Amino acid sequence: MKKREEESRFVVCVCNEGYPASLEVRKIYQVVPDTDATGHRYLRVVDESGEDYVYPAHFFVPISLPQSLEKAFALAA
C-alpha cells in the first residue's frame, strides 16, 4: 500500500460492489488505522452503520482535506 494511502485520514468511495447498504459511491469516509487490514489490501473505514469495518482498498481513493473541514468532521462525530 502506498504511504499516502496509509497517512490519509479520509477517503472517497469509488465502488460499493457487494456493499450498497454500507457504502455510498462519491461519499467521504473516515479511515481507522489498521496495519493488518492495510497489509492485506483492505481499509478500515467508518461506514453507513456508524461502525468501522474493513473493505477492499480499491473501493476508495485517499484525499486531503483542509484542516478546517477535518475539524468540522471531528465535531460531527
N, C-alpha and C. Protein backbone atom coordinates (compact mmCIF):
# COMPACT_ATOMS: atom_id res chain seq x y z
N MET A 1 0.85 -1.17 0.00
CA MET A 1 0.00 0.00 0.00
C MET A 1 0.89 1.23 0.00
N LYS A 2 0.52 2.26 -0.71
CA LYS A 2 1.29 3.48 -0.80
C LYS A 2 1.27 4.23 0.52
N LYS A 3 2.37 4.92 0.81
CA LYS A 3 2.47 5.67 2.05
C LYS A 3 1.36 6.70 2.16
N ARG A 4 1.03 7.38 1.06
CA ARG A 4 -0.02 8.40 1.08
C ARG A 4 -1.34 7.80 1.54
N GLU A 5 -1.67 6.61 1.09
CA GLU A 5 -2.92 5.97 1.50
C GLU A 5 -2.90 5.64 2.98
N GLU A 6 -1.74 5.22 3.50
CA GLU A 6 -1.64 4.88 4.91
C GLU A 6 -1.78 6.13 5.78
N GLU A 7 -1.31 7.29 5.29
CA GLU A 7 -1.36 8.52 6.05
C GLU A 7 -2.71 9.21 5.96
N SER A 8 -3.45 8.96 4.91
CA SER A 8 -4.72 9.65 4.69
C SER A 8 -5.72 9.28 5.78
N ARG A 9 -6.37 10.29 6.30
CA ARG A 9 -7.39 10.06 7.31
C ARG A 9 -8.78 9.97 6.69
N PHE A 10 -8.88 10.37 5.41
CA PHE A 10 -10.17 10.35 4.73
C PHE A 10 -10.01 9.80 3.32
N VAL A 11 -11.05 9.14 2.85
CA VAL A 11 -11.08 8.57 1.51
C VAL A 11 -12.44 8.84 0.88
N VAL A 12 -12.50 8.75 -0.42
CA VAL A 12 -13.76 8.83 -1.15
C VAL A 12 -14.06 7.44 -1.70
N CYS A 13 -15.28 7.00 -1.53
CA CYS A 13 -15.70 5.70 -2.05
C CYS A 13 -15.92 5.82 -3.57
N VAL A 14 -15.30 4.92 -4.33
CA VAL A 14 -15.48 4.91 -5.78
C VAL A 14 -16.15 3.62 -6.26
N CYS A 15 -16.38 2.68 -5.33
CA CYS A 15 -17.02 1.41 -5.68
C CYS A 15 -17.66 0.85 -4.42
N ASN A 16 -18.87 0.35 -4.54
CA ASN A 16 -19.53 -0.27 -3.37
C ASN A 16 -20.09 -1.65 -3.71
N GLU A 17 -19.51 -2.28 -4.72
CA GLU A 17 -19.98 -3.58 -5.18
C GLU A 17 -20.07 -4.58 -4.03
N GLY A 18 -21.26 -5.09 -3.80
CA GLY A 18 -21.49 -6.05 -2.73
C GLY A 18 -21.84 -5.41 -1.39
N TYR A 19 -21.73 -4.08 -1.31
CA TYR A 19 -21.99 -3.39 -0.04
C TYR A 19 -22.84 -2.13 -0.24
N PRO A 20 -23.91 -2.20 -1.03
CA PRO A 20 -24.67 -0.97 -1.32
C PRO A 20 -25.33 -0.33 -0.09
N ALA A 21 -25.63 -1.11 0.94
CA ALA A 21 -26.24 -0.54 2.14
C ALA A 21 -25.19 0.05 3.09
N SER A 22 -23.94 -0.36 2.92
CA SER A 22 -22.87 0.06 3.83
C SER A 22 -22.02 1.21 3.32
N LEU A 23 -21.89 1.31 1.99
CA LEU A 23 -21.04 2.32 1.38
C LEU A 23 -21.79 3.05 0.28
N GLU A 24 -21.59 4.37 0.21
CA GLU A 24 -22.18 5.17 -0.85
C GLU A 24 -21.06 5.70 -1.76
N VAL A 25 -21.20 5.46 -3.04
CA VAL A 25 -20.22 5.96 -4.00
C VAL A 25 -20.21 7.48 -3.96
N ARG A 26 -19.03 8.08 -4.07
CA ARG A 26 -18.77 9.53 -4.04
C ARG A 26 -18.91 10.14 -2.65
N LYS A 27 -18.99 9.32 -1.62
CA LYS A 27 -19.09 9.84 -0.25
C LYS A 27 -17.72 9.74 0.44
N ILE A 28 -17.45 10.69 1.32
CA ILE A 28 -16.20 10.72 2.08
C ILE A 28 -16.37 9.86 3.33
N TYR A 29 -15.34 9.03 3.59
CA TYR A 29 -15.33 8.17 4.77
C TYR A 29 -14.05 8.38 5.56
N GLN A 30 -14.16 8.25 6.87
CA GLN A 30 -13.00 8.37 7.74
C GLN A 30 -12.31 7.01 7.84
N VAL A 31 -10.99 7.03 7.73
CA VAL A 31 -10.19 5.82 7.85
C VAL A 31 -9.79 5.61 9.31
N VAL A 32 -9.88 4.37 9.76
CA VAL A 32 -9.42 3.98 11.09
C VAL A 32 -8.12 3.19 10.86
N PRO A 33 -7.02 3.61 11.49
CA PRO A 33 -5.75 2.91 11.28
C PRO A 33 -5.86 1.42 11.63
N ASP A 34 -5.39 0.58 10.73
CA ASP A 34 -5.39 -0.87 10.93
C ASP A 34 -4.31 -1.46 10.03
N THR A 35 -3.11 -1.66 10.57
CA THR A 35 -1.99 -2.14 9.76
C THR A 35 -2.22 -3.55 9.23
N ASP A 36 -2.94 -4.39 9.98
CA ASP A 36 -3.24 -5.74 9.50
C ASP A 36 -4.10 -5.67 8.24
N ALA A 37 -5.14 -4.85 8.28
CA ALA A 37 -6.03 -4.71 7.12
C ALA A 37 -5.26 -4.13 5.93
N THR A 38 -4.46 -3.10 6.18
CA THR A 38 -3.70 -2.47 5.12
C THR A 38 -2.74 -3.46 4.47
N GLY A 39 -2.14 -4.31 5.29
CA GLY A 39 -1.22 -5.32 4.77
C GLY A 39 -1.89 -6.34 3.86
N HIS A 40 -3.20 -6.46 3.97
CA HIS A 40 -3.96 -7.38 3.12
C HIS A 40 -4.76 -6.65 2.05
N ARG A 41 -4.40 -5.38 1.81
CA ARG A 41 -5.05 -4.54 0.80
C ARG A 41 -6.51 -4.23 1.12
N TYR A 42 -6.76 -4.00 2.39
CA TYR A 42 -8.07 -3.57 2.86
C TYR A 42 -7.90 -2.27 3.63
N LEU A 43 -8.98 -1.54 3.78
CA LEU A 43 -9.00 -0.35 4.62
C LEU A 43 -10.12 -0.50 5.63
N ARG A 44 -9.88 -0.02 6.82
CA ARG A 44 -10.92 0.01 7.84
C ARG A 44 -11.51 1.41 7.83
N VAL A 45 -12.79 1.51 7.53
CA VAL A 45 -13.46 2.81 7.47
C VAL A 45 -14.73 2.77 8.31
N VAL A 46 -15.16 3.95 8.75
CA VAL A 46 -16.43 4.09 9.45
C VAL A 46 -17.50 4.19 8.36
N ASP A 47 -18.34 3.17 8.26
CA ASP A 47 -19.31 3.11 7.17
C ASP A 47 -20.67 3.68 7.57
N GLU A 48 -21.68 3.42 6.77
CA GLU A 48 -23.02 3.97 6.99
C GLU A 48 -23.67 3.51 8.29
N SER A 49 -23.19 2.41 8.85
CA SER A 49 -23.74 1.93 10.12
C SER A 49 -23.20 2.73 11.30
N GLY A 50 -22.15 3.52 11.05
CA GLY A 50 -21.51 4.27 12.13
C GLY A 50 -20.42 3.47 12.81
N GLU A 51 -20.23 2.24 12.39
CA GLU A 51 -19.19 1.36 12.93
C GLU A 51 -18.06 1.24 11.92
N ASP A 52 -16.89 0.79 12.38
CA ASP A 52 -15.78 0.62 11.44
C ASP A 52 -15.68 -0.84 11.00
N TYR A 53 -15.51 -1.02 9.70
CA TYR A 53 -15.38 -2.33 9.08
C TYR A 53 -14.30 -2.26 8.01
N VAL A 54 -13.79 -3.41 7.60
CA VAL A 54 -12.79 -3.43 6.54
C VAL A 54 -13.45 -3.68 5.19
N TYR A 55 -12.92 -3.00 4.19
CA TYR A 55 -13.37 -3.12 2.81
C TYR A 55 -12.16 -3.14 1.91
N PRO A 56 -12.29 -3.68 0.70
CA PRO A 56 -11.16 -3.66 -0.23
C PRO A 56 -10.66 -2.24 -0.46
N ALA A 57 -9.35 -2.06 -0.39
CA ALA A 57 -8.75 -0.73 -0.53
C ALA A 57 -9.07 -0.10 -1.88
N HIS A 58 -9.23 -0.92 -2.92
CA HIS A 58 -9.51 -0.34 -4.25
C HIS A 58 -10.91 0.27 -4.35
N PHE A 59 -11.72 0.13 -3.33
CA PHE A 59 -13.03 0.78 -3.28
C PHE A 59 -12.90 2.28 -2.98
N PHE A 60 -11.70 2.72 -2.60
CA PHE A 60 -11.51 4.09 -2.11
C PHE A 60 -10.32 4.78 -2.76
N VAL A 61 -10.40 6.11 -2.77
CA VAL A 61 -9.29 6.95 -3.21
C VAL A 61 -8.99 7.89 -2.04
N PRO A 62 -7.71 7.92 -1.60
CA PRO A 62 -7.36 8.81 -0.49
C PRO A 62 -7.45 10.28 -0.90
N ILE A 63 -7.87 11.11 0.04
CA ILE A 63 -7.98 12.55 -0.24
C ILE A 63 -7.38 13.34 0.93
N SER A 64 -6.99 14.57 0.64
CA SER A 64 -6.55 15.50 1.67
C SER A 64 -7.63 16.55 1.84
N LEU A 65 -7.96 16.84 3.07
CA LEU A 65 -8.98 17.83 3.36
C LEU A 65 -8.34 19.03 4.05
N PRO A 66 -8.90 20.21 3.85
CA PRO A 66 -8.42 21.36 4.61
C PRO A 66 -8.60 21.10 6.10
N GLN A 67 -7.71 21.63 6.91
CA GLN A 67 -7.76 21.40 8.35
C GLN A 67 -9.10 21.81 8.94
N SER A 68 -9.69 22.89 8.44
CA SER A 68 -10.98 23.34 8.98
C SER A 68 -12.07 22.30 8.73
N LEU A 69 -12.02 21.63 7.59
CA LEU A 69 -13.01 20.60 7.29
C LEU A 69 -12.78 19.36 8.14
N GLU A 70 -11.52 19.00 8.37
CA GLU A 70 -11.24 17.86 9.25
C GLU A 70 -11.78 18.13 10.65
N LYS A 71 -11.60 19.36 11.14
CA LYS A 71 -12.12 19.73 12.46
C LYS A 71 -13.64 19.64 12.48
N ALA A 72 -14.29 20.09 11.42
CA ALA A 72 -15.75 20.03 11.35
C ALA A 72 -16.24 18.58 11.38
N PHE A 73 -15.55 17.69 10.67
CA PHE A 73 -15.91 16.27 10.70
C PHE A 73 -15.73 15.70 12.10
N ALA A 74 -14.65 16.08 12.78
CA ALA A 74 -14.38 15.57 14.12
C ALA A 74 -15.47 16.02 15.09
N LEU A 75 -15.95 17.22 14.95
CA LEU A 75 -17.00 17.74 15.83
C LEU A 75 -18.33 17.04 15.57
N ALA A 76 -18.56 16.62 14.32
CA ALA A 76 -19.82 15.99 13.96
C ALA A 76 -19.89 14.54 14.41
N ALA A 77 -18.75 13.95 14.75
CA ALA A 77 -18.70 12.51 15.11
C ALA A 77 -19.26 12.23 16.47
